[in-house]
């Protein structure tokens, strides 16, 4: 049975490779509570952030992202996760995270 994805559409998650602790542990920075705006350029307006420290990179999955976010907002009922390729602006580097293939793409980018 496929897990339901929970949270609002104005949510973004970054996989923070710059915060790497070791070869297999990373910190996950999740930005939420904002919106994507297109003018003058695509940007994210949220100011809320949760940091999940020392996550084992090989255990990251769409389900684990949902579990992390449930710690931030238990009442959320729909989710959309995104990541941005490092050193690329949102217009060129923003990607949705829909499944574990997208999680693997995110890990390769970092």
Protein backbone atom coordinates (compact mmCIF):
# COMPACT_ATOMS: atom_id res chain seq x y z
CA UNK A 1 0.00 0.00 0.00
CA UNK A 2 1.38 3.38 -0.98
CA UNK A 3 1.73 5.93 1.84
CA UNK A 4 -0.22 9.15 1.45
CA UNK A 5 1.91 12.24 1.03
CA UNK A 6 1.00 14.88 3.53
CA UNK A 7 1.31 18.70 3.48
CA UNK A 8 0.55 21.88 1.58
CA UNK A 9 1.80 22.79 -1.87
CA UNK A 10 3.81 25.71 -0.54
CA UNK A 11 6.53 23.55 0.97
CA UNK A 12 10.12 23.09 -0.05
CA UNK A 13 12.83 20.75 1.20
CA UNK A 14 16.54 21.10 0.60
CA UNK A 15 18.97 18.27 1.06
CA UNK A 16 21.81 20.10 2.75
CA UNK A 17 25.01 18.45 1.58
CA UNK A 18 26.99 21.43 2.81
CA UNK A 19 26.07 20.26 6.30
CA UNK A 20 27.40 16.73 5.79
CA UNK A 21 28.54 15.10 9.01
CA UNK A 22 30.18 12.05 7.54
CA UNK A 23 30.12 10.04 4.36
CA UNK A 24 26.69 8.60 5.11
CA UNK A 25 25.01 11.17 7.42
CA UNK A 26 23.51 14.47 6.33
CA UNK A 27 21.36 17.24 7.72
CA UNK A 28 18.04 17.90 6.01
CA UNK A 29 16.85 21.52 5.91
CA UNK A 30 13.12 21.85 5.23
CA UNK A 31 11.68 25.23 4.35
CA UNK A 32 7.92 25.52 4.69
CA UNK A 33 4.96 27.84 5.18
CA UNK A 34 5.74 30.03 2.16
CA UNK A 35 4.95 30.13 -1.51
CA UNK A 36 6.70 30.15 -4.84
CA UNK A 37 6.45 33.54 -6.56
CA UNK A 38 7.26 34.12 -10.23
CA UNK A 39 7.90 37.86 -10.30
CA UNK A 40 10.40 39.30 -10.79
CA UNK A 41 12.06 35.84 -10.84
CA UNK A 42 11.01 32.53 -9.39
CA UNK A 43 11.69 32.61 -5.67
CA UNK A 44 10.42 31.10 -2.43
CA UNK A 45 8.90 33.36 0.21
CA UNK A 46 8.88 31.06 3.25
CA UNK A 47 10.83 31.87 6.37
CA UNK A 48 10.10 28.76 8.45
CA UNK A 49 12.75 26.06 8.52
CA UNK A 50 13.19 22.77 10.33
CA UNK A 51 16.53 20.99 10.49
CA UNK A 52 16.75 17.24 10.85
CA UNK A 53 20.32 16.40 11.86
CA UNK A 54 22.45 13.35 11.22
CA UNK A 55 20.09 11.49 8.89
CA UNK A 56 21.53 8.40 7.25
CA UNK A 57 21.63 9.21 3.56
CA UNK A 58 20.93 5.65 2.36
CA UNK A 59 17.72 5.60 4.42
CA UNK A 60 16.23 8.74 2.85
CA UNK A 61 12.93 8.05 1.11
CA UNK A 62 9.67 9.80 0.33
CA UNK A 63 8.20 8.09 3.41
CA UNK A 64 11.04 9.31 5.64
CA UNK A 65 10.54 12.89 4.38
CA UNK A 66 6.84 12.65 5.25
CA UNK A 67 7.68 11.36 8.72
CA UNK A 68 10.13 14.19 9.27
CA UNK A 69 7.59 16.78 8.24
CA UNK A 70 4.88 15.26 10.44
CA UNK A 71 7.10 16.29 13.36
CA UNK A 72 6.77 19.89 12.16
CA UNK A 73 3.06 19.88 11.26
CA UNK A 74 0.97 16.96 12.49
CA UNK A 75 -2.23 18.37 10.95
CA UNK A 76 -0.97 18.53 7.37
CA UNK A 77 -3.00 16.50 4.88
CA UNK A 78 -1.20 16.96 1.57
CA UNK A 79 2.47 17.27 0.72
CA UNK A 80 4.66 18.39 -2.13
CA UNK A 81 8.41 18.20 -1.64
CA UNK A 82 10.94 20.01 -3.82
CA UNK A 83 14.69 20.31 -4.03
CA UNK A 84 16.94 22.68 -5.92
CA UNK A 85 20.17 21.67 -7.62
CA UNK A 86 23.13 23.36 -5.88
CA UNK A 87 24.48 26.54 -7.47
CA UNK A 88 21.49 26.80 -9.84
CA UNK A 89 18.65 29.27 -9.38
CA UNK A 90 15.10 28.02 -8.78
CA UNK A 91 14.05 28.60 -12.39
CA UNK A 92 16.62 26.15 -13.68
CA UNK A 93 17.22 23.86 -10.74
CA UNK A 94 13.90 23.26 -8.98
CA UNK A 95 12.66 19.65 -9.08
CA UNK A 96 9.66 17.99 -7.41
CA UNK A 97 10.25 14.98 -5.19
CA UNK A 98 7.46 12.56 -6.13
CA UNK A 99 9.07 9.20 -5.38
CA UNK A 100 12.31 7.49 -4.40
CA UNK A 101 13.74 7.96 -7.91
CA UNK A 102 13.59 11.71 -7.27
CA UNK A 103 15.26 11.15 -3.86
CA UNK A 104 18.09 9.35 -5.67
CA UNK A 105 18.39 12.22 -8.15
CA UNK A 106 18.58 14.68 -5.26
CA UNK A 107 21.32 12.63 -3.58
CA UNK A 108 23.33 12.53 -6.83
CA UNK A 109 23.11 16.32 -7.13
CA UNK A 110 24.65 16.75 -3.73
